[in-house]
Amino acid sequence: MLEKGQVQSSVTSLILFINSFLSYLLVFVVSIAVAGVAMFAGYKLRVRKDARDALLKEQEQEAADGQ
């Protein structure tokens, strides 16, 4: 049978392990969230740039046709 000191040591070790695991899990979740926000922002900026480039190309084409 385990003595009181051994049980307390086992519980302390388990608590430390769970604490460490949850800390790394939180860092992982935050990293994934930052990466998701960065990809979303990059996508939106690219769509906006493509729309602007298409509009400029259309305006240049109209100006060339008018001459």
PDB file of N, CA and C in Angstrom:
ATOM      1  N   MET A   1       0.832  -1.172   0.000  1.00  0.00           N
ATOM      2  CA  MET A   1       0.000   0.000   0.000  1.00  0.00           C
ATOM      3  C   MET A   1       0.886   1.248   0.000  1.00  0.00           C
ATOM      4  N   LEU A   2       0.408   2.294  -0.635  1.00  0.00           N
ATOM      5  CA  LEU A   2       1.179   3.536  -0.720  1.00  0.00           C
ATOM      6  C   LEU A   2       1.077   4.310   0.583  1.00  0.00           C
ATOM      7  N   GLU A   3       2.179   4.909   0.965  1.00  0.00           N
ATOM      8  CA  GLU A   3       2.167   5.755   2.148  1.00  0.00           C
ATOM      9  C   GLU A   3       1.640   7.133   1.783  1.00  0.00           C
ATOM     10  N   LYS A   4       1.330   7.909   2.806  1.00  0.00           N
ATOM     11  CA  LYS A   4       0.756   9.231   2.587  1.00  0.00           C
ATOM     12  C   LYS A   4       1.697  10.122   1.766  1.00  0.00           C
ATOM     13  N   GLY A   5       2.984  10.085   2.016  1.00  0.00           N
ATOM     14  CA  GLY A   5       3.953  10.900   1.281  1.00  0.00           C
ATOM     15  C   GLY A   5       4.032  10.504  -0.183  1.00  0.00           C
ATOM     16  N   GLN A   6       3.913   9.196  -0.463  1.00  0.00           N
ATOM     17  CA  GLN A   6       3.968   8.733  -1.846  1.00  0.00           C
ATOM     18  C   GLN A   6       2.723   9.152  -2.611  1.00  0.00           C
ATOM     19  N   VAL A   7       1.569   9.095  -1.975  1.00  0.00           N
ATOM     20  CA  VAL A   7       0.318   9.512  -2.625  1.00  0.00           C
ATOM     21  C   VAL A   7       0.359  11.001  -2.913  1.00  0.00           C
ATOM     22  N   GLN A   8       0.815  11.770  -1.943  1.00  0.00           N
ATOM     23  CA  GLN A   8       0.893  13.214  -2.124  1.00  0.00           C
ATOM     24  C   GLN A   8       1.885  13.558  -3.239  1.00  0.00           C
ATOM     25  N   SER A   9       2.987  12.848  -3.321  1.00  0.00           N
ATOM     26  CA  SER A   9       3.971  13.069  -4.376  1.00  0.00           C
ATOM     27  C   SER A   9       3.381  12.719  -5.741  1.00  0.00           C
ATOM     28  N   SER A  10       2.614  11.636  -5.808  1.00  0.00           N
ATOM     29  CA  SER A  10       1.986  11.238  -7.068  1.00  0.00           C
ATOM     30  C   SER A  10       0.958  12.268  -7.519  1.00  0.00           C
ATOM     31  N   VAL A  11       0.163  12.770  -6.587  1.00  0.00           N
ATOM     32  CA  VAL A  11      -0.855  13.771  -6.921  1.00  0.00           C
ATOM     33  C   VAL A  11      -0.177  15.070  -7.369  1.00  0.00           C
ATOM     34  N   THR A  12       0.874  15.451  -6.690  1.00  0.00           N
ATOM     35  CA  THR A  12       1.603  16.662  -7.064  1.00  0.00           C
ATOM     36  C   THR A  12       2.192  16.524  -8.467  1.00  0.00           C
ATOM     37  N   SER A  13       2.759  15.372  -8.757  1.00  0.00           N
ATOM     38  CA  SER A  13       3.316  15.137 -10.088  1.00  0.00           C
ATOM     39  C   SER A  13       2.231  15.191 -11.155  1.00  0.00           C
ATOM     40  N   LEU A  14       1.067  14.619 -10.855  1.00  0.00           N
ATOM     41  CA  LEU A  14      -0.047  14.645 -11.806  1.00  0.00           C
ATOM     42  C   LEU A  14      -0.528  16.069 -12.040  1.00  0.00           C
ATOM     43  N   ILE A  15      -0.630  16.841 -10.980  1.00  0.00           N
ATOM     44  CA  ILE A  15      -1.067  18.233 -11.117  1.00  0.00           C
ATOM     45  C   ILE A  15      -0.060  19.028 -11.937  1.00  0.00           C
ATOM     46  N   LEU A  16       1.219  18.824 -11.702  1.00  0.00           N
ATOM     47  CA  LEU A  16       2.241  19.524 -12.478  1.00  0.00           C
ATOM     48  C   LEU A  16       2.189  19.128 -13.949  1.00  0.00           C
ATOM     49  N   PHE A  17       1.961  17.846 -14.218  1.00  0.00           N
ATOM     50  CA  PHE A  17       1.857  17.392 -15.598  1.00  0.00           C
ATOM     51  C   PHE A  17       0.652  18.017 -16.294  1.00  0.00           C
ATOM     52  N   ILE A  18      -0.489  18.024 -15.629  1.00  0.00           N
ATOM     53  CA  ILE A  18      -1.701  18.601 -16.226  1.00  0.00           C
ATOM     54  C   ILE A  18      -1.513  20.099 -16.454  1.00  0.00           C
ATOM     55  N   ASN A  19      -0.887  20.781 -15.505  1.00  0.00           N
ATOM     56  CA  ASN A  19      -0.627  22.209 -15.649  1.00  0.00           C
ATOM     57  C   ASN A  19       0.264  22.485 -16.862  1.00  0.00           C
ATOM     58  N   SER A  20       1.319  21.706 -16.998  1.00  0.00           N
ATOM     59  CA  SER A  20       2.219  21.867 -18.133  1.00  0.00           C
ATOM     60  C   SER A  20       1.500  21.566 -19.449  1.00  0.00           C
ATOM     61  N   PHE A  21       0.714  20.504 -19.472  1.00  0.00           N
ATOM     62  CA  PHE A  21      -0.024  20.131 -20.670  1.00  0.00           C
ATOM     63  C   PHE A  21      -0.995  21.237 -21.089  1.00  0.00           C
ATOM     64  N   LEU A  22      -1.723  21.778 -20.128  1.00  0.00           N
ATOM     65  CA  LEU A  22      -2.684  22.833 -20.447  1.00  0.00           C
ATOM     66  C   LEU A  22      -1.974  24.106 -20.919  1.00  0.00           C
ATOM     67  N   SER A  23      -0.791  24.376 -20.369  1.00  0.00           N
ATOM     68  CA  SER A  23      -0.033  25.548 -20.818  1.00  0.00           C
ATOM     69  C   SER A  23       0.367  25.399 -22.281  1.00  0.00           C
ATOM     70  N   TYR A  24       0.888  24.238 -22.647  1.00  0.00           N
ATOM     71  CA  TYR A  24       1.273  24.010 -24.040  1.00  0.00           C
ATOM     72  C   TYR A  24       0.053  23.990 -24.960  1.00  0.00           C
ATOM     73  N   LEU A  25      -1.062  23.468 -24.468  1.00  0.00           N
ATOM     74  CA  LEU A  25      -2.292  23.457 -25.259  1.00  0.00           C
ATOM     75  C   LEU A  25      -2.755  24.886 -25.528  1.00  0.00           C
ATOM     76  N   LEU A  26      -2.669  25.742 -24.533  1.00  0.00           N
ATOM     77  CA  LEU A  26      -3.058  27.142 -24.709  1.00  0.00           C
ATOM     78  C   LEU A  26      -2.148  27.841 -25.723  1.00  0.00           C
ATOM     79  N   VAL A  27      -0.855  27.600 -25.639  1.00  0.00           N
ATOM     80  CA  VAL A  27       0.086  28.185 -26.607  1.00  0.00           C
ATOM     81  C   VAL A  27      -0.240  27.694 -28.014  1.00  0.00           C
ATOM     82  N   PHE A  28      -0.566  26.418 -28.161  1.00  0.00           N
ATOM     83  CA  PHE A  28      -0.916  25.856 -29.461  1.00  0.00           C
ATOM     84  C   PHE A  28      -2.181  26.507 -30.014  1.00  0.00           C
ATOM     85  N   VAL A  29      -3.194  26.658 -29.187  1.00  0.00           N
ATOM     86  CA  VAL A  29      -4.457  27.257 -29.633  1.00  0.00           C
ATOM     87  C   VAL A  29      -4.244  28.710 -30.046  1.00  0.00           C
ATOM     88  N   VAL A  30      -3.462  29.448 -29.273  1.00  0.00           N
ATOM     89  CA  VAL A  30      -3.195  30.848 -29.623  1.00  0.00           C
ATOM     90  C   VAL A  30      -2.414  30.930 -30.938  1.00  0.00           C
ATOM     91  N   SER A  31      -1.459  30.035 -31.127  1.00  0.00           N
ATOM     92  CA  SER A  31      -0.685  30.021 -32.377  1.00  0.00           C
ATOM     93  C   SER A  31      -1.582  29.739 -33.578  1.00  0.00           C
ATOM     94  N   ILE A  32      -2.477  28.782 -33.441  1.00  0.00           N
ATOM     95  CA  ILE A  32      -3.414  28.463 -34.524  1.00  0.00           C
ATOM     96  C   ILE A  32      -4.328  29.653 -34.805  1.00  0.00           C
ATOM     97  N   ALA A  33      -4.782  30.330 -33.762  1.00  0.00           N
ATOM     98  CA  ALA A  33      -5.657  31.495 -33.948  1.00  0.00           C
ATOM     99  C   ALA A  33      -4.928  32.614 -34.682  1.00  0.00           C
ATOM    100  N   VAL A  34      -3.686  32.880 -34.312  1.00  0.00           N
ATOM    101  CA  VAL A  34      -2.897  33.927 -34.983  1.00  0.00           C
ATOM    102  C   VAL A  34      -2.675  33.569 -36.449  1.00  0.00           C
ATOM    103  N   ALA A  35      -2.363  32.311 -36.713  1.00  0.00           N
ATOM    104  CA  ALA A  35      -2.164  31.871 -38.099  1.00  0.00           C
ATOM    105  C   ALA A  35      -3.463  32.008 -38.895  1.00  0.00           C
ATOM    106  N   GLY A  36      -4.589  31.678 -38.291  1.00  0.00           N
ATOM    107  CA  GLY A  36      -5.880  31.809 -38.970  1.00  0.00           C
ATOM    108  C   GLY A  36      -6.198  33.253 -39.309  1.00  0.00           C
ATOM    109  N   VAL A  37      -5.962  34.149 -38.370  1.00  0.00           N
ATOM    110  CA  VAL A  37      -6.207  35.578 -38.618  1.00  0.00           C
ATOM    111  C   VAL A  37      -5.290  36.088 -39.720  1.00  0.00           C
ATOM    112  N   ALA A  38      -4.037  35.656 -39.720  1.00  0.00           N
ATOM    113  CA  ALA A  38      -3.090  36.088 -40.750  1.00  0.00           C
ATOM    114  C   ALA A  38      -3.515  35.593 -42.132  1.00  0.00           C
ATOM    115  N   MET A  39      -3.966  34.344 -42.222  1.00  0.00           N
ATOM    116  CA  MET A  39      -4.414  33.822 -43.520  1.00  0.00           C
ATOM    117  C   MET A  39      -5.667  34.543 -44.001  1.00  0.00           C
ATOM    118  N   PHE A  40      -6.598  34.825 -43.091  1.00  0.00           N
ATOM    119  CA  PHE A  40      -7.813  35.544 -43.466  1.00  0.00           C
ATOM    120  C   PHE A  40      -7.479  36.949 -43.960  1.00  0.00           C
ATOM    121  N   ALA A  41      -6.588  37.642 -43.248  1.00  0.00           N
ATOM    122  CA  ALA A  41      -6.207  38.998 -43.657  1.00  0.00           C
ATOM    123  C   ALA A  41      -5.497  38.974 -45.005  1.00  0.00           C
ATOM    124  N   GLY A  42      -4.613  38.009 -45.209  1.00  0.00           N
ATOM    125  CA  GLY A  42      -3.913  37.892 -46.484  1.00  0.00           C
ATOM    126  C   GLY A  42      -4.864  37.629 -47.632  1.00  0.00           C
ATOM    127  N   TYR A  43      -5.850  36.773 -47.394  1.00  0.00           N
ATOM    128  CA  TYR A  43      -6.843  36.472 -48.427  1.00  0.00           C
ATOM    129  C   TYR A  43      -7.647  37.718 -48.784  1.00  0.00           C
ATOM    130  N   LYS A  44      -8.104  38.447 -47.758  1.00  0.00           N
ATOM    131  CA  LYS A  44      -8.910  39.638 -48.016  1.00  0.00           C
ATOM    132  C   LYS A  44      -8.093  40.699 -48.752  1.00  0.00           C
ATOM    133  N   LEU A  45      -6.833  40.878 -48.368  1.00  0.00           N
ATOM    134  CA  LEU A  45      -5.995  41.867 -49.041  1.00  0.00           C
ATOM    135  C   LEU A  45      -5.751  41.477 -50.494  1.00  0.00           C
ATOM    136  N   ARG A  46      -5.566  40.191 -50.762  1.00  0.00           N
ATOM    137  CA  ARG A  46      -5.334  39.738 -52.144  1.00  0.00           C
ATOM    138  C   ARG A  46      -6.579  39.944 -53.007  1.00  0.00           C
ATOM    139  N   VAL A  47      -7.744  39.645 -52.465  1.00  0.00           N
ATOM    140  CA  VAL A  47      -8.995  39.845 -53.215  1.00  0.00           C
ATOM    141  C   VAL A  47      -9.173  41.321 -53.531  1.00  0.00           C
ATOM    142  N   ARG A  48      -8.883  42.180 -52.558  1.00  0.00           N
ATOM    143  CA  ARG A  48      -9.017  43.620 -52.776  1.00  0.00           C
ATOM    144  C   ARG A  48      -8.042  44.104 -53.854  1.00  0.00           C
ATOM    145  N   LYS A  49      -6.812  43.612 -53.827  1.00  0.00           N
ATOM    146  CA  LYS A  49      -5.807  44.012 -54.824  1.00  0.00           C
ATOM    147  C   LYS A  49      -6.202  43.519 -56.215  1.00  0.00           C
ATOM    148  N   ASP A  50      -6.686  42.286 -56.304  1.00  0.00           N
ATOM    149  CA  ASP A  50      -7.115  41.767 -57.606  1.00  0.00           C
ATOM    150  C   ASP A  50      -8.277  42.573 -58.167  1.00  0.00           C
ATOM    151  N   ALA A  51      -9.218  42.981 -57.317  1.00  0.00           N
ATOM    152  CA  ALA A  51     -10.354  43.788 -57.777  1.00  0.00           C
ATOM    153  C   ALA A  51      -9.878  45.152 -58.261  1.00  0.00           C
ATOM    154  N   ARG A  52      -8.942  45.752 -57.521  1.00  0.00           N
ATOM    155  CA  ARG A  52      -8.413  47.051 -57.924  1.00  0.00           C
ATOM    156  C   ARG A  52      -7.660  46.952 -59.245  1.00  0.00           C
ATOM    157  N   ASP A  53      -6.860  45.902 -59.403  1.00  0.00           N
ATOM    158  CA  ASP A  53      -6.114  45.715 -60.654  1.00  0.00           C
ATOM    159  C   ASP A  53      -7.059  45.492 -61.839  1.00  0.00           C
ATOM    160  N   ALA A  54      -8.141  44.739 -61.620  1.00  0.00           N
ATOM    161  CA  ALA A  54      -9.110  44.510 -62.693  1.00  0.00           C
ATOM    162  C   ALA A  54      -9.794  45.808 -63.085  1.00  0.00           C
ATOM    163  N   LEU A  55     -10.117  46.653 -62.103  1.00  0.00           N
ATOM    164  CA  LEU A  55     -10.759  47.933 -62.386  1.00  0.00           C
ATOM    165  C   LEU A  55      -9.814  48.843 -63.157  1.00  0.00           C
ATOM    166  N   LEU A  56      -8.546  48.895 -62.752  1.00  0.00           N
ATOM    167  CA  LEU A  56      -7.575  49.723 -63.468  1.00  0.00           C
ATOM    168  C   LEU A  56      -7.375  49.240 -64.900  1.00  0.00           C
ATOM    169  N   LYS A  57      -7.327  47.925 -65.069  1.00  0.00           N
ATOM    170  CA  LYS A  57      -7.163  47.373 -66.417  1.00  0.00           C
ATOM    171  C   LYS A  57      -8.377  47.710 -67.289  1.00  0.00           C
ATOM    172  N   GLU A  58      -9.564  47.651 -66.692  1.00  0.00           N
ATOM    173  CA  GLU A  58     -10.787  47.982 -67.434  1.00  0.00           C
ATOM    174  C   GLU A  58     -10.788  49.460 -67.824  1.00  0.00           C
ATOM    175  N   GLN A  59     -10.352  50.323 -66.923  1.00  0.00           N
ATOM    176  CA  GLN A  59     -10.306  51.748 -67.217  1.00  0.00           C
ATOM    177  C   GLN A  59      -9.269  52.052 -68.305  1.00  0.00           C
ATOM    178  N   GLU A  60      -8.140  51.373 -68.258  1.00  0.00           N
ATOM    179  CA  GLU A  60      -7.129  51.556 -69.301  1.00  0.00           C
ATOM    180  C   GLU A  60      -7.644  51.095 -70.662  1.00  0.00           C
ATOM    181  N   GLN A  61      -8.388  49.996 -70.664  1.00  0.00           N
ATOM    182  CA  GLN A  61      -8.954  49.475 -71.901  1.00  0.00           C
ATOM    183  C   GLN A  61      -9.977  50.447 -72.498  1.00  0.00           C
ATOM    184  N   GLU A  62     -10.815  51.023 -71.625  1.00  0.00           N
ATOM    185  CA  GLU A  62     -11.814  51.992 -72.080  1.00  0.00           C
ATOM    186  C   GLU A  62     -11.125  53.236 -72.630  1.00  0.00           C
ATOM    187  N   ALA A  63     -10.055  53.663 -71.975  1.00  0.00           N
ATOM    188  CA  ALA A  63      -9.338  54.847 -72.446  1.00  0.00           C
ATOM    189  C   ALA A  63      -8.672  54.579 -73.796  1.00  0.00           C
ATOM    190  N   ALA A  64      -8.151  53.365 -73.980  1.00  0.00           N
ATOM    191  CA  ALA A  64      -7.522  53.015 -75.247  1.00  0.00           C
ATOM    192  C   ALA A  64      -8.568  52.900 -76.350  1.00  0.00           C
ATOM    193  N   ASP A  65      -9.749  52.403 -76.031  1.00  0.00           N
ATOM    194  CA  ASP A  65     -10.816  52.279 -77.031  1.00  0.00           C
ATOM    195  C   ASP A  65     -11.365  53.644 -77.440  1.00  0.00           C
ATOM    196  N   GLY A  66     -11.341  54.605 -76.526  1.00  0.00           N
ATOM    197  CA  GLY A  66     -11.870  55.945 -76.790  1.00  0.00           C
ATOM    198  C   GLY A  66     -10.962  56.763 -77.694  1.00  0.00           C
ATOM    199  N   GLN A  67      -9.722  56.389 -77.832  1.00  0.00           N
ATOM    200  CA  GLN A  67      -8.811  57.188 -78.652  1.00  0.00           C
ATOM    201  C   GLN A  67      -8.820  56.790 -80.077  1.00  0.00           C
TER     202      GLN A  67
END
